[in-house]
């Protein structure tokens, strides 16, 4: 929990306020949608879709906490109908909620992808453990640098967290390519491939946002870019990714159901 810099303009405060609001709306809506779709997929994929909803539910809760913390940290007033002014109230802004959220949801994101691909059981268990632990380690190594103002320390922890990050990204981009090609229909294979590459794309956003404060940006502008960047990346990595998980589950369920209806 680092102290907020003083001197926020209304535009900088409002951009972050809107990004956090958007995060709440996107994650909350996605949670309702995923759980309403559970009866529409076969039991083979309900666990993956349930986990998808849990991920966005956890994210919704933490976005509400971040939003409330952001709102309480500022006093925004307009005197006599003039321009809004933004002042710190002295209440701390707790951005640590993001890392608690990531520590819980990032491993689950990878597990839901593995489950919906319906790999052999031994491979499913092995990949779930490897990718889950690597992603949790990535988040844990990133947090000490996030709360540091010393740029050399930030870069040190960034480099350490990139080791498990690169392992996970390589596994998604290359290691699961063969499993993707074995999906039961071209549509399912295409959706699984899109889910893998969306994860890689959205994940690659995080290291760059993390570096915002390490490349010369500071003060309110850096805080705004960081909060907006993380919020947009989260929506892609959780809500949009979850829609792809649902689409894969729905497509594979349809293929399996149609197979059962075919005459022997």
Protein backbone atom coordinates (compact mmCIF):
# COMPACT_ATOMS: atom_id res chain seq x y z
CA UNK A 1 0.00 0.00 0.00
CA UNK A 2 1.99 2.98 -1.30
CA UNK A 3 0.90 6.58 -0.57
CA UNK A 4 -0.84 8.34 -3.44
CA UNK A 5 0.88 11.34 -5.01
CA UNK A 6 -0.80 14.72 -4.63
CA UNK A 7 -1.89 16.89 -7.54
CA UNK A 8 -4.45 14.74 -9.38
CA UNK A 9 -6.46 16.56 -12.00
CA UNK A 10 -10.15 15.78 -12.30
CA UNK A 11 -9.51 14.06 -15.67
CA UNK A 12 -6.88 11.74 -14.14
CA UNK A 13 -9.08 10.91 -11.15
CA UNK A 14 -12.14 10.39 -13.35
CA UNK A 15 -10.35 8.11 -15.83
CA UNK A 16 -9.38 5.78 -13.01
CA UNK A 17 -12.84 6.02 -11.45
CA UNK A 18 -14.47 5.03 -14.75
CA UNK A 19 -11.98 2.20 -15.39
CA UNK A 20 -12.71 0.68 -11.98
CA UNK A 21 -16.46 1.10 -12.52
CA UNK A 22 -16.13 -0.65 -15.87
CA UNK A 23 -14.24 -3.48 -14.18
CA UNK A 24 -17.06 -4.01 -11.67
CA UNK A 25 -19.74 -3.97 -14.38
CA UNK A 26 -17.85 -6.29 -16.74
CA UNK A 27 -16.89 -8.84 -14.10
CA UNK A 28 -20.29 -8.85 -12.42
CA UNK A 29 -22.20 -9.25 -15.69
CA UNK A 30 -19.86 -11.99 -16.84
CA UNK A 31 -20.37 -13.93 -13.58
CA UNK A 32 -24.16 -13.92 -14.00
CA UNK A 33 -23.88 -14.95 -17.65
CA UNK A 34 -21.49 -17.86 -17.02
CA UNK A 35 -23.56 -19.37 -14.25
CA UNK A 36 -26.80 -18.99 -16.18
CA UNK A 37 -25.17 -20.97 -19.00
CA UNK A 38 -24.27 -23.96 -16.81
CA UNK A 39 -27.39 -26.01 -17.72
CA UNK A 40 -26.66 -25.45 -21.43
CA UNK A 41 -23.36 -27.36 -21.48
CA UNK A 42 -22.76 -31.04 -20.78
CA UNK A 43 -21.45 -32.16 -17.40
CA UNK A 44 -17.95 -32.63 -18.88
CA UNK A 45 -17.55 -28.85 -19.10
CA UNK A 46 -19.57 -27.57 -16.15
CA UNK A 47 -16.58 -27.56 -13.84
CA UNK A 48 -14.63 -25.34 -16.24
CA UNK A 49 -17.58 -22.96 -16.62
CA UNK A 50 -18.18 -22.91 -12.85
CA UNK A 51 -14.52 -21.96 -12.29
CA UNK A 52 -14.89 -19.25 -14.93
CA UNK A 53 -17.75 -17.75 -12.94
CA UNK A 54 -15.78 -18.04 -9.69
CA UNK A 55 -12.88 -16.14 -11.30
CA UNK A 56 -15.10 -13.22 -12.33
CA UNK A 57 -16.95 -13.30 -8.99
CA UNK A 58 -13.65 -12.96 -7.10
CA UNK A 59 -12.64 -10.18 -9.48
CA UNK A 60 -15.97 -8.38 -8.96
CA UNK A 61 -15.47 -8.42 -5.19
CA UNK A 62 -11.94 -7.07 -5.40
CA UNK A 63 -12.87 -4.40 -7.94
CA UNK A 64 -15.57 -3.18 -5.58
CA UNK A 65 -12.97 -2.98 -2.81
CA UNK A 66 -10.48 -1.13 -5.04
CA UNK A 67 -13.22 1.23 -6.26
CA UNK A 68 -14.33 2.02 -2.70
CA UNK A 69 -10.74 2.55 -1.60
CA UNK A 70 -10.14 4.91 -4.55
CA UNK A 71 -13.31 6.90 -3.80
CA UNK A 72 -12.47 7.22 -0.11
CA UNK A 73 -8.93 8.44 -0.85
CA UNK A 74 -10.18 11.60 -2.59
CA UNK A 75 -12.52 14.49 -2.07
CA UNK A 76 -13.93 15.78 -5.36
CA UNK A 77 -15.79 19.10 -5.12
CA UNK A 78 -17.06 21.82 -7.41
CA UNK A 79 -17.37 25.27 -5.90
CA UNK A 80 -20.10 27.52 -7.26
CA UNK A 81 -20.58 25.33 -10.33
CA UNK A 82 -16.97 25.72 -11.43
CA UNK A 83 -14.38 23.13 -12.34
CA UNK A 84 -14.01 20.11 -10.11
CA UNK A 85 -11.04 20.00 -7.80
CA UNK A 86 -9.49 16.80 -6.48
CA UNK A 87 -7.80 16.57 -3.09
CA UNK A 88 -6.45 13.69 -1.07
CA UNK A 89 -8.45 12.90 2.08
CA UNK A 90 -5.55 11.15 3.79
CA UNK A 91 -7.28 7.77 3.63
CA UNK A 92 -4.92 5.14 2.14
CA UNK A 93 -5.56 3.68 -1.29
CA UNK A 94 -5.15 -0.08 -0.99
CA UNK A 95 -4.11 -1.41 -4.39
CA UNK A 96 -2.97 -4.63 -2.73
CA UNK A 97 -6.44 -6.00 -3.49
CA UNK A 98 -5.24 -6.48 -7.08
CA UNK A 99 -2.51 -8.85 -6.03
CA UNK A 100 -4.80 -10.81 -3.74
CA UNK A 101 -7.19 -11.11 -6.68
CA UNK A 102 -4.46 -12.21 -9.10
CA UNK A 103 -3.05 -14.74 -6.63
CA UNK A 104 -6.47 -16.40 -6.51
CA UNK A 105 -7.71 -15.97 -10.07
CA UNK A 106 -4.65 -16.31 -12.32
CA UNK A 107 -4.06 -20.01 -11.51
CA UNK A 108 -7.80 -20.65 -11.90
CA UNK A 109 -7.78 -19.00 -15.33
CA UNK A 110 -5.22 -21.48 -16.57
CA UNK A 111 -6.95 -24.44 -14.93
CA UNK A 112 -10.28 -23.61 -16.57
CA UNK A 113 -8.60 -23.55 -20.00
CA UNK A 114 -6.97 -26.94 -19.36
CA UNK A 115 -10.27 -28.42 -18.14
CA UNK A 116 -12.31 -27.23 -21.10
CA UNK A 117 -9.76 -28.72 -23.52
CA UNK A 118 -10.52 -32.15 -22.00
CA UNK A 119 -6.99 -33.49 -22.09
CA UNK A 120 -6.09 -36.96 -20.74
CA UNK A 121 -6.44 -37.02 -16.95
CA UNK A 122 -2.72 -37.38 -16.20
CA UNK A 123 -1.87 -34.47 -18.49
CA UNK A 124 -4.68 -32.36 -17.03
CA UNK A 125 -3.43 -32.87 -13.47
CA UNK A 126 0.21 -32.28 -14.42
CA UNK A 127 -0.45 -29.10 -16.40
CA UNK A 128 -2.83 -27.74 -13.76
CA UNK A 129 -0.19 -28.08 -11.05
CA UNK A 130 2.68 -26.75 -13.15
CA UNK A 131 0.88 -23.76 -14.63
CA UNK A 132 -1.04 -23.00 -11.44
CA UNK A 133 2.08 -22.91 -9.28
CA UNK A 134 4.11 -20.99 -11.90
CA UNK A 135 1.43 -18.32 -12.24
CA UNK A 136 1.06 -17.95 -8.47
CA UNK A 137 4.84 -17.58 -8.16
CA UNK A 138 4.78 -14.93 -10.89
CA UNK A 139 2.22 -12.85 -8.96
CA UNK A 140 4.02 -13.31 -5.63
CA UNK A 141 7.34 -12.17 -7.12
CA UNK A 142 5.75 -9.13 -8.74
CA UNK A 143 4.21 -7.66 -5.59
CA UNK A 144 7.41 -6.62 -3.72
CA UNK A 145 8.45 -4.52 -6.72
CA UNK A 146 5.00 -2.98 -7.14
CA UNK A 147 5.15 -1.31 -3.74
CA UNK A 148 8.69 0.03 -4.22
CA UNK A 149 9.64 3.51 -5.39
CA UNK A 150 13.29 2.54 -5.96
CA UNK A 151 13.50 1.81 -9.70
CA UNK A 152 16.37 -0.66 -9.38
CA UNK A 153 14.34 -2.70 -6.88
CA UNK A 154 11.29 -2.58 -9.15
CA UNK A 155 13.33 -3.84 -12.08
CA UNK A 156 14.85 -6.62 -9.96
CA UNK A 157 11.46 -8.04 -8.97
CA UNK A 158 10.11 -7.52 -12.49
CA UNK A 159 12.91 -9.67 -13.89
CA UNK A 160 12.31 -12.39 -11.31
CA UNK A 161 8.55 -12.51 -11.99
CA UNK A 162 9.22 -12.73 -15.74
CA UNK A 163 10.85 -16.17 -15.30
CA UNK A 164 7.61 -18.03 -14.41
CA UNK A 165 5.72 -15.64 -16.72
CA UNK A 166 7.77 -16.76 -19.73
CA UNK A 167 7.30 -20.42 -18.80
CA UNK A 168 3.51 -20.05 -18.70
CA UNK A 169 3.34 -18.04 -21.92
CA UNK A 170 5.57 -20.53 -23.74
CA UNK A 171 3.38 -23.42 -22.57
CA UNK A 172 0.23 -21.66 -23.76
CA UNK A 173 1.65 -20.60 -27.11
CA UNK A 174 3.64 -23.75 -27.95
CA UNK A 175 3.05 -26.53 -25.44
CA UNK A 176 -0.73 -26.72 -25.96
CA UNK A 177 -0.64 -26.41 -29.74
CA UNK A 178 -0.93 -30.17 -30.33
CA UNK A 179 -3.80 -30.52 -27.85
CA UNK A 180 -5.62 -27.66 -29.59
CA UNK A 181 -5.41 -29.40 -32.96
CA UNK A 182 -7.07 -32.50 -31.46
CA UNK A 183 -10.30 -30.74 -30.50
CA UNK A 184 -13.45 -32.49 -31.78
CA UNK A 185 -14.40 -29.88 -34.40
CA UNK A 186 -12.70 -27.12 -36.38
CA UNK A 187 -14.79 -24.53 -34.53
CA UNK A 188 -13.71 -25.89 -31.14
CA UNK A 189 -10.06 -25.95 -32.24
CA UNK A 190 -10.31 -22.37 -33.48
CA UNK A 191 -11.91 -21.20 -30.22
CA UNK A 192 -9.32 -23.02 -28.11
CA UNK A 193 -6.55 -21.42 -30.13
CA UNK A 194 -8.17 -18.00 -29.70
CA UNK A 195 -8.42 -18.54 -25.93
CA UNK A 196 -4.72 -19.45 -25.73
CA UNK A 197 -3.59 -16.45 -27.72
CA UNK A 198 -5.97 -14.05 -25.95
CA UNK A 199 -4.39 -15.18 -22.67
CA UNK A 200 -0.91 -14.57 -24.08
CA UNK A 201 -1.93 -11.15 -25.46
CA UNK A 202 -3.68 -9.97 -22.30
CA UNK A 203 -0.90 -11.30 -20.08
CA UNK A 204 1.74 -9.45 -22.08
CA UNK A 205 -0.08 -6.23 -21.17
CA UNK A 206 0.68 -6.63 -17.46
CA UNK A 207 4.50 -6.43 -17.61
CA UNK A 208 4.29 -3.24 -19.67
CA UNK A 209 1.82 -1.62 -17.27
CA UNK A 210 4.05 -2.72 -14.39
CA UNK A 211 6.94 -0.84 -16.03
CA UNK A 212 5.03 2.46 -16.25
CA UNK A 213 6.67 3.73 -13.07
CA UNK A 214 10.05 2.37 -14.15
CA UNK A 215 10.45 4.33 -17.38
CA UNK A 216 10.32 7.90 -16.16
CA UNK A 217 6.60 8.38 -15.52
CA UNK A 218 5.68 9.42 -12.01
CA UNK A 219 3.00 11.16 -10.00
CA UNK A 220 -0.72 11.15 -10.78
CA UNK A 221 -0.27 10.36 -14.50
CA UNK A 222 1.66 7.16 -13.73
CA UNK A 223 -0.95 6.07 -11.20
CA UNK A 224 -3.76 6.72 -13.69
CA UNK A 225 -2.06 4.78 -16.51
CA UNK A 226 -1.34 1.91 -14.16
CA UNK A 227 -4.90 1.63 -12.85
CA UNK A 228 -6.54 2.00 -16.26
CA UNK A 229 -4.08 -0.42 -17.87
CA UNK A 230 -4.54 -3.10 -15.24
CA UNK A 231 -8.33 -2.73 -15.36
CA UNK A 232 -8.53 -3.16 -19.13
CA UNK A 233 -6.11 -6.10 -19.05
CA UNK A 234 -8.18 -7.77 -16.32
CA UNK A 235 -11.39 -7.47 -18.33
CA UNK A 236 -9.68 -9.09 -21.32
CA UNK A 237 -7.99 -11.81 -19.28
CA UNK A 238 -11.07 -12.73 -17.24
CA UNK A 239 -14.41 -11.63 -18.69
CA UNK A 240 -13.57 -11.85 -22.42
CA UNK A 241 -11.46 -14.98 -21.89
CA UNK A 242 -14.36 -16.47 -19.96
CA UNK A 243 -16.69 -15.90 -22.91
CA UNK A 244 -14.28 -17.94 -25.04
CA UNK A 245 -14.27 -20.71 -22.42
CA UNK A 246 -18.07 -20.75 -22.54
CA UNK A 247 -18.03 -20.81 -26.35
CA UNK A 248 -15.63 -23.77 -26.36
CA UNK A 249 -17.77 -25.62 -23.82
CA UNK A 250 -20.95 -24.90 -25.80
CA UNK A 251 -19.40 -26.01 -29.11
CA UNK A 252 -17.96 -29.23 -27.68
CA UNK A 253 -21.23 -29.98 -25.88
CA UNK A 254 -23.11 -29.59 -29.16
CA UNK A 255 -20.66 -31.91 -30.93
CA UNK A 256 -20.98 -34.54 -28.20
CA UNK A 257 -24.78 -34.30 -28.10
CA UNK A 258 -25.05 -34.60 -31.87
CA UNK A 259 -22.83 -37.69 -31.73
CA UNK A 260 -25.16 -39.32 -29.23
CA UNK A 261 -28.16 -38.62 -31.46
CA UNK A 262 -26.63 -40.31 -34.52
CA UNK A 263 -28.08 -43.77 -35.27
CA UNK A 264 -25.78 -46.70 -34.57
